Protein backbone atom coordinates (compact mmCIF):
# COMPACT_ATOMS: atom_id res chain seq x y z
CA MET A 1 -66.34 134.36 41.13
CA ILE A 2 -64.69 134.87 37.96
CA ALA A 3 -65.56 132.40 35.03
CA LEU A 4 -62.86 130.58 33.53
CA PRO A 5 -64.71 129.38 29.80
CA PHE A 6 -61.31 129.27 28.39
CA LEU A 7 -59.87 126.57 30.73
CA LYS A 8 -62.96 124.41 30.15
CA ASP A 9 -61.78 120.52 29.65
CA LYS A 10 -58.13 121.15 30.74
CA VAL A 11 -56.36 119.52 33.45
CA VAL A 12 -55.26 122.33 36.36
CA ALA A 13 -53.23 121.60 39.07
CA VAL A 14 -53.77 124.16 42.70
CA LEU A 15 -50.72 124.15 44.32
CA GLY A 16 -51.75 125.75 48.12
CA LEU A 17 -55.28 125.67 49.67
CA GLY A 18 -55.09 129.16 51.54
CA ARG A 19 -57.83 131.70 50.63
CA THR A 20 -56.27 132.16 47.12
CA GLY A 21 -56.04 128.05 46.60
CA ARG A 22 -59.70 127.82 47.46
CA ALA A 23 -61.45 130.38 45.56
CA SER A 24 -59.16 129.21 42.77
CA VAL A 25 -60.67 125.55 42.83
CA ALA A 26 -64.15 126.96 42.92
CA ALA A 27 -63.73 129.21 40.16
CA LEU A 28 -61.87 126.81 37.87
CA THR A 29 -64.55 123.78 38.82
CA ALA A 30 -67.49 125.83 38.05
CA SER A 31 -65.73 126.37 34.88
CA GLY A 32 -65.27 123.29 33.79
CA ALA A 33 -61.74 122.25 34.79
CA THR A 34 -60.55 118.84 35.60
CA VAL A 35 -58.79 120.36 39.32
CA LEU A 36 -56.20 118.75 40.64
CA ALA A 37 -55.57 120.21 44.24
CA TRP A 38 -52.94 119.82 46.86
CA ASP A 39 -51.09 121.56 50.37
CA ASP A 40 -48.46 120.08 52.13
CA GLN A 41 -50.48 121.00 55.15
CA PRO A 42 -52.85 118.15 56.33
CA ALA A 43 -55.03 120.97 57.96
CA GLN A 44 -54.94 123.31 54.80
CA ARG A 45 -56.62 120.27 52.70
CA GLU A 46 -59.22 119.25 54.93
CA GLY A 47 -62.48 119.82 53.31
CA THR A 48 -61.41 119.84 49.60
CA VAL A 49 -60.77 116.44 47.26
CA THR A 50 -56.97 116.52 47.08
CA THR A 51 -54.56 114.78 44.88
CA ASP A 52 -51.27 114.85 45.81
CA LEU A 53 -48.87 116.50 43.27
CA ASN A 54 -45.87 114.97 44.44
CA ALA A 55 -46.85 112.06 42.16
CA VAL A 56 -48.80 113.55 39.96
CA ASP A 57 -47.64 112.89 36.00
CA PHE A 58 -47.22 116.71 34.99
CA SER A 59 -47.23 115.88 31.26
CA THR A 60 -50.62 115.40 31.42
CA VAL A 61 -51.40 118.68 33.32
CA ASP A 62 -52.00 121.77 31.43
CA LEU A 63 -51.56 124.77 34.10
CA LEU A 64 -49.85 124.83 37.35
CA LEU A 65 -51.33 127.74 39.53
CA GLN A 66 -49.24 127.89 42.69
CA SER A 67 -50.21 130.12 45.25
CA PRO A 68 -47.67 132.83 45.20
CA GLY A 69 -46.40 132.36 48.83
CA ILE A 70 -45.29 129.17 47.83
CA PRO A 71 -41.46 129.64 46.48
CA HIS A 72 -41.01 128.82 42.65
CA THR A 73 -37.16 129.72 42.47
CA HIS A 74 -35.48 130.91 45.46
CA PRO A 75 -34.34 130.02 47.87
CA ALA A 76 -35.45 126.75 46.41
CA PRO A 77 -38.38 126.08 44.22
CA HIS A 78 -41.09 123.61 45.45
CA PRO A 79 -40.59 120.07 44.15
CA VAL A 80 -44.08 120.70 42.32
CA SER A 81 -42.67 123.92 41.12
CA THR A 82 -39.43 121.55 39.64
CA LYS A 83 -41.78 119.05 38.07
CA ALA A 84 -43.82 121.70 36.19
CA ARG A 85 -41.16 123.44 34.98
CA ALA A 86 -39.73 120.53 33.29
CA ALA A 87 -42.82 119.51 31.76
CA GLY A 88 -42.77 122.54 30.18
CA VAL A 89 -46.02 123.37 32.21
CA PRO A 90 -46.82 127.15 32.38
CA ILE A 91 -46.37 128.26 36.32
CA VAL A 92 -49.28 131.20 37.38
CA ALA A 93 -50.87 132.91 40.21
CA ASP A 94 -54.35 133.69 40.01
CA THR A 95 -54.02 137.24 38.86
CA ASP A 96 -52.74 135.85 35.80
CA LEU A 97 -56.53 134.00 34.99
CA LEU A 98 -58.48 137.25 36.01
CA PHE A 99 -55.73 138.85 33.19
CA GLN A 100 -56.68 136.30 31.01
CA ALA A 101 -60.61 136.11 31.76
CA HIS A 102 -61.36 140.05 31.24
CA SER A 103 -58.78 141.52 29.35
CA ARG A 104 -60.86 144.55 28.66
CA ALA A 105 -61.30 145.58 31.63
CA THR A 106 -59.46 148.60 33.20
CA TYR A 107 -56.92 147.73 35.67
CA ILE A 108 -55.52 149.35 38.72
CA GLY A 109 -52.25 147.76 40.14
CA ILE A 110 -50.58 149.00 43.27
CA THR A 111 -46.74 147.83 44.79
CA GLY A 112 -44.42 148.58 46.67
CA THR A 113 -42.37 147.18 49.80
CA ASN A 114 -44.89 149.13 52.39
CA GLY A 115 -48.36 151.44 52.15
CA LYS A 116 -49.74 149.05 48.88
CA SER A 117 -52.34 148.46 51.77
CA THR A 118 -53.28 151.08 52.89
CA THR A 119 -53.35 152.54 49.33
CA THR A 120 -55.15 150.27 47.38
CA SER A 121 -57.97 150.39 50.03
CA LEU A 122 -57.69 154.13 49.86
CA ILE A 123 -58.12 153.92 45.79
CA GLY A 124 -60.82 151.53 45.98
CA HIS A 125 -62.53 153.98 48.67
CA LEU A 126 -62.43 156.95 46.64
CA LEU A 127 -63.44 155.04 43.64
CA SER A 128 -66.66 154.21 45.51
CA GLU A 129 -67.28 157.43 46.31
CA ALA A 130 -67.00 159.13 43.10
CA GLY A 131 -69.68 156.31 41.99
CA LEU A 132 -67.01 154.22 39.57
CA ASP A 133 -67.80 150.40 40.41
CA ALA A 134 -64.43 148.91 40.98
CA ALA A 135 -63.31 145.36 42.85
CA VAL A 136 -60.68 145.62 44.56
CA GLY A 137 -58.38 142.46 46.22
CA GLY A 138 -55.38 140.45 45.16
CA ASN A 139 -52.45 140.45 47.80
CA LEU A 140 -55.14 142.46 50.25
CA GLY A 141 -58.90 141.56 50.98
CA PRO A 142 -60.79 138.88 48.83
CA ALA A 143 -58.51 136.25 46.59
CA VAL A 144 -59.20 137.75 42.62
CA LEU A 145 -61.15 134.86 41.18
CA GLY A 146 -63.64 135.22 44.16
CA LEU A 147 -64.46 138.65 43.12
CA SER A 148 -67.33 139.73 41.08
CA PRO A 149 -67.00 140.58 37.80
CA SER A 150 -66.38 144.04 37.52
CA PRO A 151 -65.59 146.82 34.68
CA ARG A 152 -62.24 147.85 36.77
CA TYR A 153 -60.20 146.18 39.39
CA VAL A 154 -58.37 147.53 41.88
CA LEU A 155 -55.54 144.83 42.73
CA GLU A 156 -52.40 144.99 45.66
CA MET A 157 -49.93 143.27 43.63
CA SER A 158 -47.00 141.61 45.79
CA SER A 159 -43.32 141.22 44.48
CA TYR A 160 -44.31 137.19 44.52
CA GLN A 161 -47.89 137.82 42.65
CA LEU A 162 -45.86 139.84 39.73
CA GLU A 163 -43.69 137.15 39.46
CA LEU A 164 -46.14 134.84 38.42
CA THR A 165 -48.68 136.70 36.56
CA PRO A 166 -47.30 137.16 32.88
CA SER A 167 -50.40 138.41 31.39
CA ALA A 168 -50.65 141.42 33.50
CA ARG A 169 -50.95 145.05 31.79
CA PHE A 170 -52.32 147.79 34.15
CA ASP A 171 -53.63 150.73 32.51
CA ILE A 172 -52.64 152.49 35.86
CA ALA A 173 -49.82 150.96 38.00
CA VAL A 174 -48.48 152.68 40.88
CA LEU A 175 -44.48 151.40 42.92
CA LEU A 176 -44.67 153.43 45.88
CA ASN A 177 -41.41 152.43 47.13
CA ILE A 178 -38.49 149.78 47.48
CA THR A 179 -36.31 148.89 49.94
CA PRO A 180 -35.10 145.27 51.09
CA ASP A 181 -37.84 142.82 51.87
CA HIS A 182 -37.99 139.25 50.88
CA LEU A 183 -34.73 138.98 49.47
CA ASP A 184 -34.06 135.19 50.01
CA ARG A 185 -37.83 135.05 47.63
CA HIS A 186 -35.96 136.68 44.67
CA GLY A 187 -32.18 135.60 45.12
CA GLY A 188 -30.77 139.39 46.63
CA MET A 189 -31.92 143.16 46.22
CA THR A 190 -31.88 142.85 42.16
CA GLY A 191 -34.05 139.94 42.07
CA TYR A 192 -36.61 142.14 44.24
CA VAL A 193 -36.13 145.22 42.33
CA ALA A 194 -37.02 143.13 38.95
CA ALA A 195 -39.97 141.51 40.75
CA LYS A 196 -41.48 145.16 41.58
CA ARG A 197 -40.54 146.74 38.21
CA LEU A 198 -42.99 143.69 36.76
CA ILE A 199 -45.98 146.13 37.52
CA PHE A 200 -45.08 147.80 34.13
CA SER A 201 -45.16 144.93 32.12
CA ASN A 202 -46.84 144.74 28.56
CA TRP A 203 -47.32 147.95 28.73
CA ASP A 204 -48.52 150.51 25.80
CA GLY A 205 -49.18 154.25 25.46
CA ALA A 206 -52.46 154.35 26.76
CA CYS A 207 -50.86 153.08 30.34
CA THR A 208 -49.83 155.41 33.08
CA ALA A 209 -46.99 154.66 35.72
CA VAL A 210 -47.25 156.23 39.16
CA ILE A 211 -44.16 156.41 41.00
CA GLY A 212 -42.80 157.19 44.50
CA ILE A 213 -39.43 159.19 44.62
CA ASP A 214 -39.02 158.86 48.23
CA ASP A 215 -36.59 156.17 47.94
CA VAL A 216 -33.56 156.21 45.67
CA ILE A 217 -34.12 152.87 43.93
CA SER A 218 -37.95 154.12 42.49
CA ALA A 219 -36.76 157.79 41.73
CA GLY A 220 -34.16 155.94 39.58
CA ILE A 221 -36.76 153.96 38.22
CA ALA A 222 -39.45 157.02 37.73
CA GLY A 223 -36.29 158.94 35.73
CA THR A 224 -35.54 155.81 33.32
CA LEU A 225 -38.64 154.66 32.73
CA SER A 226 -40.11 154.92 29.20
CA PHE A 227 -43.15 153.55 27.64
CA GLY A 228 -43.80 155.95 24.00
CA SER A 229 -46.71 157.65 24.43
CA GLY A 230 -47.46 156.63 28.21
CA ARG A 231 -47.28 158.98 31.32
CA VAL A 232 -45.08 158.73 34.03
CA VAL A 233 -46.66 160.55 37.37
CA THR A 234 -44.48 161.31 40.15
CA ILE A 235 -45.43 161.30 43.48
CA SER A 236 -43.83 162.28 46.85
CA GLY A 237 -44.58 162.64 50.58
CA GLN A 238 -41.95 165.32 51.25
CA ARG A 239 -40.61 166.91 47.90
CA PRO A 240 -41.90 168.54 44.81
CA ALA A 241 -43.56 166.12 42.26
CA ASP A 242 -46.54 165.77 40.10
CA VAL A 243 -48.65 165.09 43.43
CA TRP A 244 -46.85 165.28 47.17
CA VAL A 245 -47.17 166.71 50.08
CA ASP A 246 -46.12 170.18 51.69
CA GLY A 247 -45.50 169.52 54.82
CA THR A 248 -48.97 168.19 55.97
CA VAL A 249 -50.44 169.71 52.69
CA LEU A 250 -51.60 167.83 49.73
CA VAL A 251 -50.55 169.56 46.72
CA ASP A 252 -51.53 168.76 43.11
CA ALA A 253 -49.22 169.96 40.28
CA LEU A 254 -50.48 167.65 37.86
CA GLU A 255 -51.72 170.76 35.40
CA GLY A 256 -47.97 172.27 36.09
CA ARG A 257 -49.69 175.01 38.38
CA PRO A 258 -49.35 173.80 41.78
CA GLN A 259 -52.26 173.72 44.01
CA ARG A 260 -52.71 172.96 47.76
CA VAL A 261 -55.62 170.63 47.82
CA LEU A 262 -56.38 169.28 51.50
CA ASP A 263 -54.40 169.67 54.51
CA LEU A 264 -53.84 165.89 55.85
CA ALA A 265 -53.56 167.40 59.21
CA THR A 266 -57.50 167.46 59.40
CA VAL A 267 -57.44 163.49 58.29
CA PRO A 268 -57.36 161.30 61.37
CA ALA A 269 -57.20 157.97 59.59
CA LEU A 270 -54.11 158.51 57.93
CA PRO A 271 -51.35 159.90 60.07
CA GLY A 272 -47.81 160.18 60.04
CA ARG A 273 -45.44 161.15 56.57
CA HIS A 274 -45.82 157.26 55.26
CA ASN A 275 -49.46 158.43 54.63
CA ALA A 276 -48.65 161.09 52.99
CA GLN A 277 -47.50 158.99 50.36
CA ASN A 278 -49.92 156.86 49.96
CA THR A 279 -52.31 159.91 49.74
CA ALA A 280 -50.52 161.00 47.24
CA ALA A 281 -50.85 158.29 45.17
CA ALA A 282 -54.25 157.47 45.89
CA TYR A 283 -54.74 160.63 44.93
CA ALA A 284 -53.12 161.02 41.79
CA VAL A 285 -54.83 157.68 40.49
CA LEU A 286 -58.53 159.46 40.99
CA ARG A 287 -57.48 162.31 39.13
CA LEU A 288 -56.03 159.82 36.19
CA SER A 289 -59.17 158.41 36.29
CA GLY A 290 -61.27 161.40 35.73
CA VAL A 291 -62.44 162.32 39.07
CA SER A 292 -62.31 165.80 40.25
CA ALA A 293 -60.25 167.25 42.85
CA ASP A 294 -63.07 168.46 44.98
CA GLN A 295 -64.37 164.62 44.73
CA VAL A 296 -60.70 163.26 45.36
CA VAL A 297 -60.79 165.55 48.94
CA VAL A 298 -64.26 164.63 50.23
CA GLY A 299 -63.28 161.24 49.50
CA ILE A 300 -59.98 161.18 51.41
CA SER A 301 -61.92 163.01 54.21
CA ARG A 302 -64.25 160.28 54.55
CA PHE A 303 -61.49 157.51 54.63
CA GLY A 304 -62.48 154.82 57.51
CA GLY A 305 -58.71 153.84 58.01
CA LEU A 306 -57.24 150.22 56.87
CA ALA A 307 -57.72 147.38 59.62
CA HIS A 308 -54.23 146.40 61.09
CA ARG A 309 -52.35 149.38 59.54
CA GLN A 310 -52.11 151.96 62.88
CA GLN A 311 -56.09 151.53 63.80
CA LEU A 312 -57.23 152.79 66.69
CA VAL A 313 -58.73 149.60 68.40
CA ARG A 314 -59.59 151.51 71.42
CA THR A 315 -58.47 153.71 74.11
CA ILE A 316 -58.95 152.17 77.70
CA ALA A 317 -58.46 154.34 81.14
CA GLY A 318 -56.83 156.98 78.79
CA VAL A 319 -54.72 154.83 77.39
CA PRO A 320 -55.07 154.34 73.38
CA PHE A 321 -54.27 150.99 71.97
CA ILE A 322 -52.92 150.75 68.23
CA ASN A 323 -53.08 148.14 66.02
CA ASP A 324 -50.39 147.61 63.61
CA SER A 325 -49.70 144.77 63.05
CA LYS A 326 -49.38 144.59 59.23
CA ALA A 327 -46.00 146.03 60.36
CA THR A 328 -44.27 142.69 59.74
CA ASN A 329 -40.28 144.43 58.87
CA ALA A 330 -38.53 146.86 60.49
CA GLU A 331 -39.03 149.78 57.15
CA ALA A 332 -43.00 149.35 58.46
CA THR A 333 -42.57 149.47 61.79
CA ALA A 334 -40.18 152.90 61.38
CA VAL A 335 -43.50 155.09 59.96
CA ALA A 336 -45.47 154.00 63.04
CA LEU A 337 -42.86 154.69 65.83
CA VAL A 338 -42.63 158.29 64.30
CA CYS A 339 -46.36 158.90 64.91
CA TYR A 340 -46.47 158.89 68.72
CA LYS A 341 -44.12 160.37 71.61
CA ARG A 342 -44.26 157.87 74.38
CA ILE A 343 -44.44 154.73 73.06
CA HIS A 344 -44.98 150.91 74.99
CA TRP A 345 -43.85 148.90 71.95
CA ILE A 346 -45.20 145.06 71.47
CA ALA A 347 -42.70 143.81 69.30
CA GLY A 348 -41.42 140.31 67.64
CA GLY A 349 -42.18 137.22 65.65
CA GLN A 350 -40.53 135.59 62.94
CA ALA A 351 -38.03 138.44 62.44
CA LYS A 352 -36.89 139.48 58.70
CA ALA A 353 -33.54 139.93 57.70
CA GLY A 354 -31.47 142.58 60.35
CA GLY A 355 -34.10 142.48 62.54
CA ILE A 356 -35.07 145.81 63.64
CA ALA A 357 -31.81 147.50 62.54
CA GLY A 358 -32.22 150.84 61.54
CA LEU A 359 -35.11 151.79 64.18
CA GLU A 360 -32.51 152.99 66.63
CA PRO A 361 -33.25 156.94 65.41
CA HIS A 362 -36.80 156.67 66.63
CA PHE A 363 -35.64 154.25 70.13
CA ASP A 364 -36.03 157.76 72.31
CA ARG A 365 -39.96 157.27 71.26
CA ILE A 366 -39.98 153.81 73.36
CA ALA A 367 -41.34 154.05 77.03
CA GLY A 368 -40.06 150.33 77.46
CA ALA A 369 -40.43 147.07 74.75
CA TYR A 370 -42.38 144.03 75.37
CA LEU A 371 -40.90 141.64 72.86
CA ILE A 372 -42.94 138.48 71.87
CA GLY A 373 -42.25 135.11 69.32
CA GLU A 374 -39.19 133.51 68.04
CA SER A 375 -37.13 137.46 67.50
CA ALA A 376 -37.50 138.24 71.10
CA ALA A 377 -34.20 137.36 72.45
CA ALA A 378 -32.64 138.77 68.82
CA PHE A 379 -34.57 142.01 69.31
CA ALA A 380 -33.40 142.59 73.06
CA ASP A 381 -30.05 142.24 71.85
CA GLN A 382 -30.72 145.08 69.51
CA LEU A 383 -32.64 147.46 71.95
CA GLY A 384 -29.51 147.64 74.16
CA ALA A 385 -30.77 149.86 76.76
CA VAL A 386 -33.89 150.68 76.09
CA PRO A 387 -35.91 149.47 78.52
CA HIS A 388 -37.48 145.88 77.68
CA GLU A 389 -39.05 142.90 78.81
CA ILE A 390 -39.46 139.41 76.96
CA CYS A 391 -43.05 138.47 77.85
CA GLY A 392 -43.00 135.31 74.98
CA THR A 393 -46.43 135.61 74.17
CA LEU A 394 -48.85 138.78 72.85
CA ASP A 395 -51.23 138.10 76.31
CA ARG A 396 -48.38 138.99 78.47
CA ALA A 397 -47.45 141.41 76.43
CA VAL A 398 -50.74 143.48 76.48
CA GLU A 399 -50.58 142.81 80.24
CA ARG A 400 -47.60 144.44 80.85
CA ALA A 401 -47.81 146.96 77.85
CA PHE A 402 -50.63 148.15 79.50
CA ALA A 403 -49.49 148.29 83.43
CA GLU A 404 -47.09 150.82 82.13
CA ALA A 405 -48.57 152.87 79.94
CA ARG A 406 -51.24 153.56 82.56
CA ARG A 407 -48.59 153.82 85.41
CA THR A 408 -46.26 156.21 83.20
CA GLY A 409 -49.10 157.46 80.10
CA GLY A 410 -48.54 157.21 76.57
CA VAL A 411 -49.44 154.96 73.70
CA VAL A 412 -49.75 151.06 73.52
CA LEU A 413 -48.09 149.94 69.99
CA LEU A 414 -48.42 146.88 68.51
CA SER A 415 -46.13 147.15 65.11
CA PRO A 416 -44.21 143.73 65.19
CA ALA A 417 -41.74 144.09 63.08
CA ALA A 418 -41.51 140.89 61.96
CA ALA A 419 -43.79 138.11 60.72
CA SER A 420 -46.44 136.33 62.13
CA TRP A 421 -45.80 133.07 61.22
CA ASP A 422 -44.29 131.91 64.32
CA GLN A 423 -47.50 132.29 67.21
CA PHE A 424 -50.19 133.26 64.32
CA LYS A 425 -52.05 132.44 61.01
CA SER A 426 -51.61 135.87 59.67
CA PHE A 427 -51.04 139.43 60.84
CA GLU A 428 -54.62 139.51 60.60
CA HIS A 429 -54.89 136.81 63.07
CA ARG A 430 -52.30 138.57 65.24
CA GLY A 431 -54.32 142.13 64.79
CA GLU A 432 -57.30 140.40 65.83
CA CYS A 433 -56.23 138.49 68.82
CA PHE A 434 -54.69 141.50 69.84
CA ALA A 435 -57.80 143.58 69.55
CA ALA A 436 -59.78 140.51 71.58
CA LEU A 437 -56.55 141.12 74.68
CA VAL A 438 -57.49 144.46 74.74
CA ALA A 439 -61.07 143.83 74.47
CA GLY A 440 -60.88 141.84 77.85
CA LEU A 441 -59.18 144.24 79.62
CA ALA A 442 -61.44 146.96 79.06
CA THR A 443 -63.57 144.64 80.40
CA GLY A 444 -61.79 144.36 83.36
CA VAL A 445 -61.02 148.03 84.31
CA ALA A 446 -64.71 148.79 83.74
CA ALA A 447 -65.48 145.86 86.25
């Protein structure tokens, strides 16, 4: 747990009692702060002493710690955010308190529309393999105030978190890519890009930017970013850069002369072009952290993959089941579809803007689509002539996809291209339910 002695005897309001909020309440309480905790959902308030923040006089409050998932500006600010702002009370995320508490630690931050969780996990793994202590969290994994104190923090940063972390200063800041996402929360694409650029806040000449150049927006940022004596390192999954992937081979050009260091085709936990960029980013971060190329290559080869991101759950009767529940938009699903040739695709949920528009070039890989959740009918319309069934629920979709895959061959891929909130607690919960259903199938087949 992170100690917050600078908040001793301060009144801190906490809005949102999910994973982040509960860890924050514990850390604040242990640090001697007076905590006023609230969540609009009654179930989230269970087991916590709460105060309805809608009725609190914010002139008596020193700080509002707000869950990043709760709107503070767009599409409309939460009423508590409005009250706090009117009273001049700072609104921050838990990540901001970590920076204030451990300002002398080394920080590595990772953001991007897609790939940030895999890249964050891979960086954490590689640092561990190299014998370097690091705490890994943020948008991925443990809430940051629940982490153990560390000389080094590796933080996955969402656009929501970046907007609420004014104290952020990353020694190495990674921007993987930017494509449209969460536009309602940022007032459009301009606001979303501005939020992502906050990964480079409070920089000085000792900082380094690692930026993907495989999309136009990120490449433009790489070409215009300037930090005086700070360094900008480019990475790519497909074209020459400081670290890039040529076909399937990772190339290190950080010191000028390109060196071919690893064939990614030999690393089954990192399939596909998207993971080429992720791996290039992680490799660059480790080399910039002083780890030798040979050590990094060995670490990459030992990486086991990220849960819920193209995770092989198991193979039953010759049919592989792939859990890609973390794919909550079309762009994320696209990188999974290109990895397999005959796909029995389970998709749907709470659709993002555009639904599955943009996936048409990959429709020839889909043997059949099995649609669930709120977006099922809309996705069916977008699929057109692609064979599909509206299954409604995940259990029915898994059953139907397996029956067809067993009969005609191919993989069963859960890659929803939609958020999970209509039927599940989170994308992790959705992936866990998928794995449990697959385990049930395995038991039935064995019997």
